[in-house]
Amino acid sequence: MNWEPIFDDQPNSTIGDIAIAPSDPSVVWVGTGEPNNRQSSSWGAGIFKSLDAGKTWTHMGLKDTHHIGRIVIHPTDPNIVYVAALGHLWGANKERGVYKTTDGGVTWTQSLSINDDTGVSDIAIVHWAKLTKGLPTTGDIGRCAVEVFRKNSNIVYALVEHSTLGGTYRSDDKGFNWTRMSDTNPRPSYYSQLRIDPNNDHKVWVLGAPLYLSEDGGKTFRQDRAAKIHTDFHAMWIDPADSDHVILGSDGGITITHDSGRNWDYVNNIPIGVLRNRVRHAEALSRLRRFAGQLFLVWPQRQLDHAGHLQ
């Protein structure tokens, strides 16, 4: 398996989501800005599109969204695209919510706007109706994730962030009514990612610092399927033709399993990394910036004090 970088020459290298058009794999969309928001999150510059499988890119707007959490492309018309935008992390702004284009990104319509302080991090259904039956109705609801079962769109799972009633929820009627299956929802403000097995609606994966797997519809979860590989999981793909074949993305890189996580192969020929050490000298900081420019910058530019510490 070989890899080729296709986005290194673009002005922003922090990625929120990538989507390939189901009807034309040469059409690729990239939403920039880290969607797992925390004090060190890097913001993006909007959304980009390629019509030649990543050889060239065009900036298609939404620059002030800062963080794009999900892109959904229409299954038969690649010009229809939905974008979940979180907006500014540390303040209010208008360019957040859900955006829709019907002309391949030439123009955008804000199809869901809640207020200037509320963004959207995930999309699975694109008909807007506020859902309440079986969900928390009092107190603040934070970041949520949603996933529709591939073989039966009546079945929907959600992760809901709430102070007392947060957890994993399931609906069997397209989201009109919900049942709280368990309180499993690890660090929702940072993760909030779940996947339903494309062939088994009772098999559910939840991503977090450990990897969670349920085989009873979210009632109980085990945490031993990825115990021997790097933690902090943020991305997962399940092969529709073989549910045992899973590709997992974490802070440690990419790992692949062919037996539902009992054994993993680490992909060690792709140059990625996470920079964590504190930088104490201007010369070292300069070298790190040149290095990180090939990958990603992990902090805003700041000055060094007399002791070499970042201010």
C-alpha atoms as a PDB file:
ATOM      1  CA  MET A   1       0.000   0.000   0.000  1.00  0.00           C
ATOM      2  CA  ASN A   2       1.494   3.306  -1.102  1.00  0.00           C
ATOM      3  CA  TRP A   3       0.499   6.863  -0.212  1.00  0.00           C
ATOM      4  CA  GLU A   4       0.848  10.199  -1.984  1.00  0.00           C
ATOM      5  CA  PRO A   5       0.277  13.630  -0.378  1.00  0.00           C
ATOM      6  CA  ILE A   6      -2.317  15.614  -2.327  1.00  0.00           C
ATOM      7  CA  PHE A   7      -3.038  18.674  -0.150  1.00  0.00           C
ATOM      8  CA  ASP A   8       0.417  19.867   0.932  1.00  0.00           C
ATOM      9  CA  ASP A   9       0.443  22.868  -1.407  1.00  0.00           C
ATOM     10  CA  GLN A  10      -2.812  24.320  -0.118  1.00  0.00           C
ATOM     11  CA  PRO A  11      -2.867  27.313   2.255  1.00  0.00           C
ATOM     12  CA  ASN A  12      -4.312  25.358   5.173  1.00  0.00           C
ATOM     13  CA  SER A  13      -3.449  21.828   6.261  1.00  0.00           C
ATOM     14  CA  THR A  14      -5.745  21.217   9.230  1.00  0.00           C
ATOM     15  CA  ILE A  15      -8.554  18.959   7.985  1.00  0.00           C
ATOM     16  CA  GLY A  16     -12.038  18.530   9.418  1.00  0.00           C
ATOM     17  CA  ASP A  17     -13.561  16.129   6.893  1.00  0.00           C
ATOM     18  CA  ILE A  18     -13.025  14.579   3.468  1.00  0.00           C
ATOM     19  CA  ALA A  19     -15.860  13.387   1.212  1.00  0.00           C
ATOM     20  CA  ILE A  20     -15.767  11.543  -2.120  1.00  0.00           C
ATOM     21  CA  ALA A  21     -18.792  11.783  -4.391  1.00  0.00           C
ATOM     22  CA  PRO A  22     -20.532   8.369  -4.513  1.00  0.00           C
ATOM     23  CA  SER A  23     -21.450   8.913  -8.170  1.00  0.00           C
ATOM     24  CA  ASP A  24     -18.005  10.136  -9.304  1.00  0.00           C
ATOM     25  CA  PRO A  25     -14.867   9.278  -7.287  1.00  0.00           C
ATOM     26  CA  SER A  26     -12.857  11.971  -9.068  1.00  0.00           C
ATOM     27  CA  VAL A  27     -14.909  14.611  -7.208  1.00  0.00           C
ATOM     28  CA  VAL A  28     -13.398  15.156  -3.763  1.00  0.00           C
ATOM     29  CA  TRP A  29     -14.315  17.759  -1.153  1.00  0.00           C
ATOM     30  CA  VAL A  30     -12.133  18.786   1.801  1.00  0.00           C
ATOM     31  CA  GLY A  31     -13.413  20.801   4.735  1.00  0.00           C
ATOM     32  CA  THR A  32     -10.666  22.496   6.713  1.00  0.00           C
ATOM     33  CA  GLY A  33     -10.386  23.239  10.417  1.00  0.00           C
ATOM     34  CA  GLU A  34     -10.077  20.690  13.217  1.00  0.00           C
ATOM     35  CA  PRO A  35     -13.593  19.733  14.395  1.00  0.00           C
ATOM     36  CA  ASN A  36     -12.496  18.194  17.716  1.00  0.00           C
ATOM     37  CA  ASN A  37     -12.461  21.487  19.529  1.00  0.00           C
ATOM     38  CA  ARG A  38     -10.169  22.138  22.447  1.00  0.00           C
ATOM     39  CA  GLN A  39      -7.670  24.792  23.572  1.00  0.00           C
ATOM     40  CA  SER A  40      -5.129  23.716  20.925  1.00  0.00           C
ATOM     41  CA  SER A  41      -7.449  23.345  17.928  1.00  0.00           C
ATOM     42  CA  SER A  42      -6.271  24.793  14.619  1.00  0.00           C
ATOM     43  CA  TRP A  43      -8.842  26.575  12.466  1.00  0.00           C
ATOM     44  CA  GLY A  44      -9.274  26.273   8.742  1.00  0.00           C
ATOM     45  CA  ALA A  45      -9.948  28.410   5.686  1.00  0.00           C
ATOM     46  CA  GLY A  46     -13.236  26.977   4.415  1.00  0.00           C
ATOM     47  CA  ILE A  47     -13.923  24.262   1.883  1.00  0.00           C
ATOM     48  CA  PHE A  48     -11.987  23.015  -1.154  1.00  0.00           C
ATOM     49  CA  LYS A  49     -13.021  20.893  -4.147  1.00  0.00           C
ATOM     50  CA  SER A  50     -11.105  18.739  -6.615  1.00  0.00           C
ATOM     51  CA  LEU A  51     -12.497  17.438  -9.913  1.00  0.00           C
ATOM     52  CA  ASP A  52      -9.464  15.281 -10.701  1.00  0.00           C
ATOM     53  CA  ALA A  53      -9.120  13.045  -7.614  1.00  0.00           C
ATOM     54  CA  GLY A  54      -6.934  15.490  -5.708  1.00  0.00           C
ATOM     55  CA  LYS A  55      -4.456  16.555  -8.397  1.00  0.00           C
ATOM     56  CA  THR A  56      -5.712  20.165  -8.308  1.00  0.00           C
ATOM     57  CA  TRP A  57      -7.892  22.072  -5.864  1.00  0.00           C
ATOM     58  CA  THR A  58     -10.225  25.060  -5.917  1.00  0.00           C
ATOM     59  CA  HIS A  59     -11.283  27.024  -2.851  1.00  0.00           C
ATOM     60  CA  MET A  60     -15.100  27.073  -2.772  1.00  0.00           C
ATOM     61  CA  GLY A  61     -15.749  29.512   0.046  1.00  0.00           C
ATOM     62  CA  LEU A  62     -17.083  29.286   3.631  1.00  0.00           C
ATOM     63  CA  LYS A  63     -13.792  30.731   4.876  1.00  0.00           C
ATOM     64  CA  ASP A  64     -15.199  32.097   8.136  1.00  0.00           C
ATOM     65  CA  THR A  65     -16.661  28.756   9.253  1.00  0.00           C
ATOM     66  CA  HIS A  66     -13.215  27.988  10.779  1.00  0.00           C
ATOM     67  CA  HIS A  67     -14.106  24.348  11.651  1.00  0.00           C
ATOM     68  CA  ILE A  68     -15.951  21.949   9.310  1.00  0.00           C
ATOM     69  CA  GLY A  69     -17.065  18.722  10.969  1.00  0.00           C
ATOM     70  CA  ARG A  70     -18.806  16.840   8.170  1.00  0.00           C
ATOM     71  CA  ILE A  71     -19.451  16.947   4.416  1.00  0.00           C
ATOM     72  CA  VAL A  72     -22.312  14.972   2.839  1.00  0.00           C
ATOM     73  CA  ILE A  73     -22.570  14.628  -0.954  1.00  0.00           C
ATOM     74  CA  HIS A  74     -25.789  13.659  -2.720  1.00  0.00           C
ATOM     75  CA  PRO A  75     -25.609   9.975  -3.818  1.00  0.00           C
ATOM     76  CA  THR A  76     -26.322  10.688  -7.495  1.00  0.00           C
ATOM     77  CA  ASP A  77     -25.679  14.422  -8.005  1.00  0.00           C
ATOM     78  CA  PRO A  78     -22.170  15.551  -6.950  1.00  0.00           C
ATOM     79  CA  ASN A  79     -23.198  19.209  -7.266  1.00  0.00           C
ATOM     80  CA  ILE A  80     -25.475  18.897  -4.224  1.00  0.00           C
ATOM     81  CA  VAL A  81     -23.394  19.100  -1.065  1.00  0.00           C
ATOM     82  CA  TYR A  82     -24.181  19.702   2.605  1.00  0.00           C
ATOM     83  CA  VAL A  83     -21.589  21.066   5.046  1.00  0.00           C
ATOM     84  CA  ALA A  84     -21.698  21.008   8.857  1.00  0.00           C
ATOM     85  CA  ALA A  85     -19.885  24.093  10.152  1.00  0.00           C
ATOM     86  CA  LEU A  86     -18.996  24.676  13.793  1.00  0.00           C
ATOM     87  CA  GLY A  87     -17.944  28.318  13.410  1.00  0.00           C
ATOM     88  CA  HIS A  88     -15.514  30.233  15.613  1.00  0.00           C
ATOM     89  CA  LEU A  89     -14.378  28.266  18.640  1.00  0.00           C
ATOM     90  CA  TRP A  90     -13.916  31.192  21.022  1.00  0.00           C
ATOM     91  CA  GLY A  91     -16.703  33.560  20.026  1.00  0.00           C
ATOM     92  CA  ALA A  92     -19.938  34.132  18.183  1.00  0.00           C
ATOM     93  CA  ASN A  93     -20.130  34.428  14.397  1.00  0.00           C
ATOM     94  CA  LYS A  94     -22.791  34.057  11.724  1.00  0.00           C
ATOM     95  CA  GLU A  95     -21.023  31.597   9.401  1.00  0.00           C
ATOM     96  CA  ARG A  96     -21.946  28.385  11.247  1.00  0.00           C
ATOM     97  CA  GLY A  97     -24.686  25.786  11.026  1.00  0.00           C
ATOM     98  CA  VAL A  98     -25.437  23.779   7.876  1.00  0.00           C
ATOM     99  CA  TYR A  99     -24.716  25.025   4.360  1.00  0.00           C
ATOM    100  CA  LYS A 100     -26.061  23.579   1.122  1.00  0.00           C
ATOM    101  CA  THR A 101     -24.982  24.045  -2.482  1.00  0.00           C
ATOM    102  CA  THR A 102     -26.775  22.789  -5.584  1.00  0.00           C
ATOM    103  CA  ASP A 103     -24.252  24.128  -8.084  1.00  0.00           C
ATOM    104  CA  GLY A 104     -21.032  22.505  -6.933  1.00  0.00           C
ATOM    105  CA  GLY A 105     -20.072  25.232  -4.480  1.00  0.00           C
ATOM    106  CA  VAL A 106     -20.495  28.298  -6.691  1.00  0.00           C
ATOM    107  CA  THR A 107     -23.194  29.528  -4.298  1.00  0.00           C
ATOM    108  CA  TRP A 108     -24.169  28.433  -0.787  1.00  0.00           C
ATOM    109  CA  THR A 109     -27.401  28.612   1.209  1.00  0.00           C
ATOM    110  CA  GLN A 110     -27.402  28.470   5.002  1.00  0.00           C
ATOM    111  CA  SER A 111     -30.043  25.763   5.307  1.00  0.00           C
ATOM    112  CA  LEU A 112     -29.844  25.459   9.100  1.00  0.00           C
ATOM    113  CA  SER A 113     -29.019  28.368  11.392  1.00  0.00           C
ATOM    114  CA  ILE A 114     -29.750  28.114  15.108  1.00  0.00           C
ATOM    115  CA  ASN A 115     -27.953  31.196  16.460  1.00  0.00           C
ATOM    116  CA  ASP A 116     -24.553  32.870  16.369  1.00  0.00           C
ATOM    117  CA  ASP A 117     -23.274  30.704  19.242  1.00  0.00           C
ATOM    118  CA  THR A 118     -24.395  27.262  18.022  1.00  0.00           C
ATOM    119  CA  GLY A 119     -22.603  25.322  15.315  1.00  0.00           C
ATOM    120  CA  VAL A 120     -23.139  21.921  13.704  1.00  0.00           C
ATOM    121  CA  SER A 121     -20.555  19.138  13.823  1.00  0.00           C
ATOM    122  CA  ASP A 122     -22.312  16.204  12.126  1.00  0.00           C
ATOM    123  CA  ILE A 123     -24.938  15.456   9.452  1.00  0.00           C
ATOM    124  CA  ALA A 124     -26.707  12.231   8.556  1.00  0.00           C
ATOM    125  CA  ILE A 125     -30.231  13.465   7.733  1.00  0.00           C
ATOM    126  CA  VAL A 126     -30.872  16.584   5.698  1.00  0.00           C
ATOM    127  CA  HIS A 127     -34.514  17.289   6.497  1.00  0.00           C
ATOM    128  CA  TRP A 128     -34.636  19.645   9.460  1.00  0.00           C
ATOM    129  CA  ALA A 129     -36.990  18.979  12.347  1.00  0.00           C
ATOM    130  CA  LYS A 130     -36.026  19.327  15.990  1.00  0.00           C
ATOM    131  CA  LEU A 131     -36.220  15.915  17.677  1.00  0.00           C
ATOM    132  CA  THR A 132     -37.295  15.613  21.304  1.00  0.00           C
ATOM    133  CA  LYS A 133     -39.174  12.357  21.999  1.00  0.00           C
ATOM    134  CA  GLY A 134     -36.993  10.219  24.238  1.00  0.00           C
ATOM    135  CA  LEU A 135     -34.145  12.792  24.207  1.00  0.00           C
ATOM    136  CA  PRO A 136     -33.216  15.199  27.025  1.00  0.00           C
ATOM    137  CA  THR A 137     -35.617  18.140  27.044  1.00  0.00           C
ATOM    138  CA  THR A 138     -34.190  20.163  29.950  1.00  0.00           C
ATOM    139  CA  GLY A 139     -30.707  21.515  30.445  1.00  0.00           C
ATOM    140  CA  ASP A 140     -28.098  22.173  27.813  1.00  0.00           C
ATOM    141  CA  ILE A 141     -27.418  19.648  25.049  1.00  0.00           C
ATOM    142  CA  GLY A 142     -23.861  19.787  23.773  1.00  0.00           C
ATOM    143  CA  ARG A 143     -22.145  18.118  20.849  1.00  0.00           C
ATOM    144  CA  CYS A 144     -24.030  15.229  19.252  1.00  0.00           C
ATOM    145  CA  ALA A 145     -23.211  12.619  16.637  1.00  0.00           C
ATOM    146  CA  VAL A 146     -25.667  10.790  14.389  1.00  0.00           C
ATOM    147  CA  GLU A 147     -25.429   7.744  12.132  1.00  0.00           C
ATOM    148  CA  VAL A 148     -28.044   6.048   9.909  1.00  0.00           C
ATOM    149  CA  PHE A 149     -27.966   2.297   9.333  1.00  0.00           C
ATOM    150  CA  ARG A 150     -27.025   1.625   5.726  1.00  0.00           C
ATOM    151  CA  LYS A 151     -29.544  -1.179   5.102  1.00  0.00           C
ATOM    152  CA  ASN A 152     -32.541   0.351   6.865  1.00  0.00           C
ATOM    153  CA  SER A 153     -32.823   4.132   7.173  1.00  0.00           C
ATOM    154  CA  ASN A 154     -35.450   3.786   9.907  1.00  0.00           C
ATOM    155  CA  ILE A 155     -32.641   2.805  12.297  1.00  0.00           C
ATOM    156  CA  VAL A 156     -30.606   5.732  13.604  1.00  0.00           C
ATOM    157  CA  TYR A 157     -28.066   5.974  16.420  1.00  0.00           C
ATOM    158  CA  ALA A 158     -26.934   9.134  18.182  1.00  0.00           C
ATOM    159  CA  LEU A 159     -24.419  10.193  20.793  1.00  0.00           C
ATOM    160  CA  VAL A 160     -25.870  12.948  22.954  1.00  0.00           C
ATOM    161  CA  GLU A 161     -23.902  15.209  25.289  1.00  0.00           C
ATOM    162  CA  HIS A 162     -25.937  16.095  28.398  1.00  0.00           C
ATOM    163  CA  SER A 163     -25.039  16.553  32.060  1.00  0.00           C
ATOM    164  CA  THR A 164     -27.306  13.761  33.359  1.00  0.00           C
ATOM    165  CA  LEU A 165     -28.904  11.994  30.376  1.00  0.00           C
ATOM    166  CA  GLY A 166     -26.024  11.833  27.940  1.00  0.00           C
ATOM    167  CA  GLY A 167     -25.078   8.609  26.220  1.00  0.00           C
ATOM    168  CA  THR A 168     -25.891   6.354  23.283  1.00  0.00           C
ATOM    169  CA  TYR A 169     -29.422   6.575  21.853  1.00  0.00           C
ATOM    170  CA  ARG A 170     -31.257   4.513  19.217  1.00  0.00           C
ATOM    171  CA  SER A 171     -34.311   5.223  17.085  1.00  0.00           C
ATOM    172  CA  ASP A 172     -36.234   2.723  14.952  1.00  0.00           C
ATOM    173  CA  ASP A 173     -38.516   5.261  13.242  1.00  0.00           C
ATOM    174  CA  LYS A 174     -36.141   7.718  11.538  1.00  0.00           C
ATOM    175  CA  GLY A 175     -35.525   9.698  14.718  1.00  0.00           C
ATOM    176  CA  PHE A 176     -39.070  10.539  15.754  1.00  0.00           C
ATOM    177  CA  ASN A 177     -38.736   8.459  18.952  1.00  0.00           C
ATOM    178  CA  TRP A 178     -35.540   7.586  20.833  1.00  0.00           C
ATOM    179  CA  THR A 179     -34.431   5.092  23.460  1.00  0.00           C
ATOM    180  CA  ARG A 180     -31.405   5.688  25.674  1.00  0.00           C
ATOM    181  CA  MET A 181     -29.418   2.470  25.334  1.00  0.00           C
ATOM    182  CA  SER A 182     -26.577   3.339  27.743  1.00  0.00           C
ATOM    183  CA  ASP A 183     -24.567   6.229  29.147  1.00  0.00           C
ATOM    184  CA  THR A 184     -21.582   5.481  26.894  1.00  0.00           C
ATOM    185  CA  ASN A 185     -20.306   8.695  25.288  1.00  0.00           C
ATOM    186  CA  PRO A 186     -16.611   9.312  25.991  1.00  0.00           C
ATOM    187  CA  ARG A 187     -15.504  12.969  26.172  1.00  0.00           C
ATOM    188  CA  PRO A 188     -18.215  14.120  23.763  1.00  0.00           C
ATOM    189  CA  SER A 189     -16.878  17.627  23.168  1.00  0.00           C
ATOM    190  CA  TYR A 190     -13.715  16.109  21.697  1.00  0.00           C
ATOM    191  CA  TYR A 191     -14.778  12.802  20.083  1.00  0.00           C
ATOM    192  CA  SER A 192     -18.499  12.241  19.339  1.00  0.00           C
ATOM    193  CA  GLN A 193     -17.936   9.701  16.580  1.00  0.00           C
ATOM    194  CA  LEU A 194     -19.932   6.484  16.144  1.00  0.00           C
ATOM    195  CA  ARG A 195     -20.272   3.951  13.348  1.00  0.00           C
ATOM    196  CA  ILE A 196     -22.936   1.316  12.740  1.00  0.00           C
ATOM    197  CA  ASP A 197     -21.793  -1.916  11.158  1.00  0.00           C
ATOM    198  CA  PRO A 198     -23.167  -1.734   7.585  1.00  0.00           C
ATOM    199  CA  ASN A 199     -24.451  -5.300   7.863  1.00  0.00           C
ATOM    200  CA  ASN A 200     -25.564  -5.544  11.493  1.00  0.00           C
ATOM    201  CA  ASP A 201     -27.571  -2.771  13.180  1.00  0.00           C
ATOM    202  CA  HIS A 202     -26.775  -4.163  16.642  1.00  0.00           C
ATOM    203  CA  LYS A 203     -23.022  -3.836  16.159  1.00  0.00           C
ATOM    204  CA  VAL A 204     -21.934  -0.275  16.998  1.00  0.00           C
ATOM    205  CA  TRP A 205     -18.497   1.289  17.362  1.00  0.00           C
ATOM    206  CA  VAL A 206     -17.894   4.431  19.447  1.00  0.00           C
ATOM    207  CA  LEU A 207     -14.578   6.229  19.129  1.00  0.00           C
ATOM    208  CA  GLY A 208     -12.746   7.735  22.086  1.00  0.00           C
ATOM    209  CA  ALA A 209      -9.462   7.412  23.977  1.00  0.00           C
ATOM    210  CA  PRO A 210     -10.200   3.690  24.017  1.00  0.00           C
ATOM    211  CA  LEU A 211     -12.293   2.122  21.244  1.00  0.00           C
ATOM    212  CA  TYR A 212     -15.762   0.961  22.284  1.00  0.00           C
ATOM    213  CA  LEU A 213     -17.654  -1.910  20.626  1.00  0.00           C
ATOM    214  CA  SER A 214     -21.257  -2.935  21.284  1.00  0.00           C
ATOM    215  CA  GLU A 215     -22.868  -6.047  19.825  1.00  0.00           C
ATOM    216  CA  ASP A 216     -26.234  -5.618  21.541  1.00  0.00           C
ATOM    217  CA  GLY A 217     -27.418  -2.343  20.064  1.00  0.00           C
ATOM    218  CA  GLY A 218     -25.536  -0.037  22.411  1.00  0.00           C
ATOM    219  CA  LYS A 219     -26.648  -1.551  25.717  1.00  0.00           C
ATOM    220  CA  THR A 220     -23.161  -2.700  26.689  1.00  0.00           C
ATOM    221  CA  PHE A 221     -19.711  -1.921  25.307  1.00  0.00           C
ATOM    222  CA  ARG A 222     -16.366  -3.684  25.435  1.00  0.00           C
ATOM    223  CA  GLN A 223     -13.033  -1.839  25.280  1.00  0.00           C
ATOM    224  CA  ASP A 224     -10.524  -4.572  24.491  1.00  0.00           C
ATOM    225  CA  ARG A 225     -10.598  -4.632  20.658  1.00  0.00           C
ATOM    226  CA  ALA A 226      -7.906  -1.955  20.255  1.00  0.00           C
ATOM    227  CA  ALA A 227      -6.045  -2.274  23.533  1.00  0.00           C
ATOM    228  CA  LYS A 228      -2.631  -2.926  21.966  1.00  0.00           C
ATOM    229  CA  ILE A 229      -2.499  -0.056  19.462  1.00  0.00           C
ATOM    230  CA  HIS A 230      -2.199   3.719  19.825  1.00  0.00           C
ATOM    231  CA  THR A 231      -5.228   5.331  21.451  1.00  0.00           C
ATOM    232  CA  ASP A 232      -7.225   8.509  20.737  1.00  0.00           C
ATOM    233  CA  PHE A 233      -9.447   7.385  17.858  1.00  0.00           C
ATOM    234  CA  HIS A 234     -11.083   9.934  15.553  1.00  0.00           C
ATOM    235  CA  ALA A 235     -11.817   8.211  12.229  1.00  0.00           C
ATOM    236  CA  MET A 236     -13.161   4.818  11.127  1.00  0.00           C
ATOM    237  CA  TRP A 237     -14.193   3.155   7.878  1.00  0.00           C
ATOM    238  CA  ILE A 238     -15.978  -0.210   7.769  1.00  0.00           C
ATOM    239  CA  ASP A 239     -15.950  -2.220   4.549  1.00  0.00           C
ATOM    240  CA  PRO A 240     -19.586  -2.647   3.388  1.00  0.00           C
ATOM    241  CA  ALA A 241     -18.667  -5.978   1.779  1.00  0.00           C
ATOM    242  CA  ASP A 242     -16.783  -7.326   4.815  1.00  0.00           C
ATOM    243  CA  SER A 243     -17.633  -6.001   8.278  1.00  0.00           C
ATOM    244  CA  ASP A 244     -14.467  -7.521   9.749  1.00  0.00           C
ATOM    245  CA  HIS A 245     -12.373  -5.223   7.541  1.00  0.00           C
ATOM    246  CA  VAL A 246     -11.993  -1.906   9.379  1.00  0.00           C
ATOM    247  CA  ILE A 247      -9.594   1.023   8.916  1.00  0.00           C
ATOM    248  CA  LEU A 248      -9.001   3.113  12.018  1.00  0.00           C
ATOM    249  CA  GLY A 249      -7.445   6.571  12.347  1.00  0.00           C
ATOM    250  CA  SER A 250      -5.920   7.762  15.612  1.00  0.00           C
ATOM    251  CA  ASP A 251      -3.317  10.168  16.972  1.00  0.00           C
ATOM    252  CA  GLY A 252      -0.833   7.382  16.248  1.00  0.00           C
ATOM    253  CA  GLY A 253      -1.690   7.010  12.559  1.00  0.00           C
ATOM    254  CA  ILE A 254      -3.612   4.390  10.576  1.00  0.00           C
ATOM    255  CA  THR A 255      -4.271   0.779  11.554  1.00  0.00           C
ATOM    256  CA  ILE A 256      -6.172  -1.929   9.685  1.00  0.00           C
ATOM    257  CA  THR A 257      -7.959  -5.029  10.921  1.00  0.00           C
ATOM    258  CA  HIS A 258      -9.469  -7.976   9.053  1.00  0.00           C
ATOM    259  CA  ASP A 259     -11.059  -9.612  12.108  1.00  0.00           C
ATOM    260  CA  SER A 260     -13.113  -6.838  13.747  1.00  0.00           C
ATOM    261  CA  GLY A 261     -10.274  -5.542  15.867  1.00  0.00           C
ATOM    262  CA  ARG A 262      -8.837  -8.719  17.315  1.00  0.00           C
ATOM    263  CA  ASN A 263      -5.612  -8.064  15.422  1.00  0.00           C
ATOM    264  CA  TRP A 264      -4.330  -4.876  13.777  1.00  0.00           C
ATOM    265  CA  ASP A 265      -1.752  -4.003  11.115  1.00  0.00           C
ATOM    266  CA  TYR A 266      -0.042  -0.632  11.470  1.00  0.00           C
ATOM    267  CA  VAL A 267       0.436   1.410   8.286  1.00  0.00           C
ATOM    268  CA  ASN A 268       4.024   2.601   8.740  1.00  0.00           C
ATOM    269  CA  ASN A 269       4.783   4.111   5.323  1.00  0.00           C
ATOM    270  CA  ILE A 270       2.888   7.380   5.607  1.00  0.00           C
ATOM    271  CA  PRO A 271       4.691  10.457   7.038  1.00  0.00           C
ATOM    272  CA  ILE A 272       2.353  11.747   9.726  1.00  0.00           C
ATOM    273  CA  GLY A 273       2.907  12.724  13.331  1.00  0.00           C
ATOM    274  CA  VAL A 274       1.753  14.681  16.351  1.00  0.00           C
ATOM    275  CA  LEU A 275       4.003  17.370  17.830  1.00  0.00           C
ATOM    276  CA  ARG A 276       3.705  17.536  21.602  1.00  0.00           C
ATOM    277  CA  ASN A 277       6.971  18.673  23.214  1.00  0.00           C
ATOM    278  CA  ARG A 278       7.289  22.202  24.550  1.00  0.00           C
ATOM    279  CA  VAL A 279       9.645  24.361  22.534  1.00  0.00           C
ATOM    280  CA  ARG A 280      12.162  26.342  24.578  1.00  0.00           C
ATOM    281  CA  HIS A 281      14.431  27.946  22.016  1.00  0.00           C
ATOM    282  CA  ALA A 282      13.786  30.118  18.975  1.00  0.00           C
ATOM    283  CA  GLU A 283      16.066  28.027  16.759  1.00  0.00           C
ATOM    284  CA  ALA A 284      14.258  24.809  17.704  1.00  0.00           C
ATOM    285  CA  LEU A 285      10.909  26.500  17.135  1.00  0.00           C
ATOM    286  CA  SER A 286      12.015  27.568  13.663  1.00  0.00           C
ATOM    287  CA  ARG A 287      13.036  24.018  12.791  1.00  0.00           C
ATOM    288  CA  LEU A 288       9.760  22.652  14.135  1.00  0.00           C
ATOM    289  CA  ARG A 289       7.751  25.107  12.084  1.00  0.00           C
ATOM    290  CA  ARG A 290       9.544  24.084   8.911  1.00  0.00           C
ATOM    291  CA  PHE A 291       8.954  20.436   9.775  1.00  0.00           C
ATOM    292  CA  ALA A 292       5.344  20.949  10.773  1.00  0.00           C
ATOM    293  CA  GLY A 293       4.648  22.805   7.549  1.00  0.00           C
ATOM    294  CA  GLN A 294       4.790  19.448   5.824  1.00  0.00           C
ATOM    295  CA  LEU A 295       2.215  18.083   8.232  1.00  0.00           C
ATOM    296  CA  PHE A 296       0.318  20.599  10.335  1.00  0.00           C
ATOM    297  CA  LEU A 297       0.916  23.491  12.691  1.00  0.00           C
ATOM    298  CA  VAL A 298      -0.156  22.679  16.227  1.00  0.00           C
ATOM    299  CA  TRP A 299      -0.311  26.148  17.734  1.00  0.00           C
ATOM    300  CA  PRO A 300      -0.960  29.730  16.619  1.00  0.00           C
ATOM    301  CA  GLN A 301       2.170  31.789  16.113  1.00  0.00           C
ATOM    302  CA  ARG A 302       3.316  33.270  19.429  1.00  0.00           C
ATOM    303  CA  GLN A 303       6.390  35.018  20.776  1.00  0.00           C
ATOM    304  CA  LEU A 304       9.103  33.494  22.953  1.00  0.00           C
ATOM    305  CA  ASP A 305       9.947  35.146  26.253  1.00  0.00           C
ATOM    306  CA  HIS A 306      13.524  35.653  27.499  1.00  0.00           C
ATOM    307  CA  ALA A 307      13.638  32.091  28.819  1.00  0.00           C
ATOM    308  CA  GLY A 308      12.535  30.593  25.508  1.00  0.00           C
ATOM    309  CA  HIS A 309       9.001  29.765  26.597  1.00  0.00           C
ATOM    310  CA  LEU A 310       6.000  30.330  24.366  1.00  0.00           C
ATOM    311  CA  GLN A 311       3.908  33.249  25.592  1.00  0.00           C
END
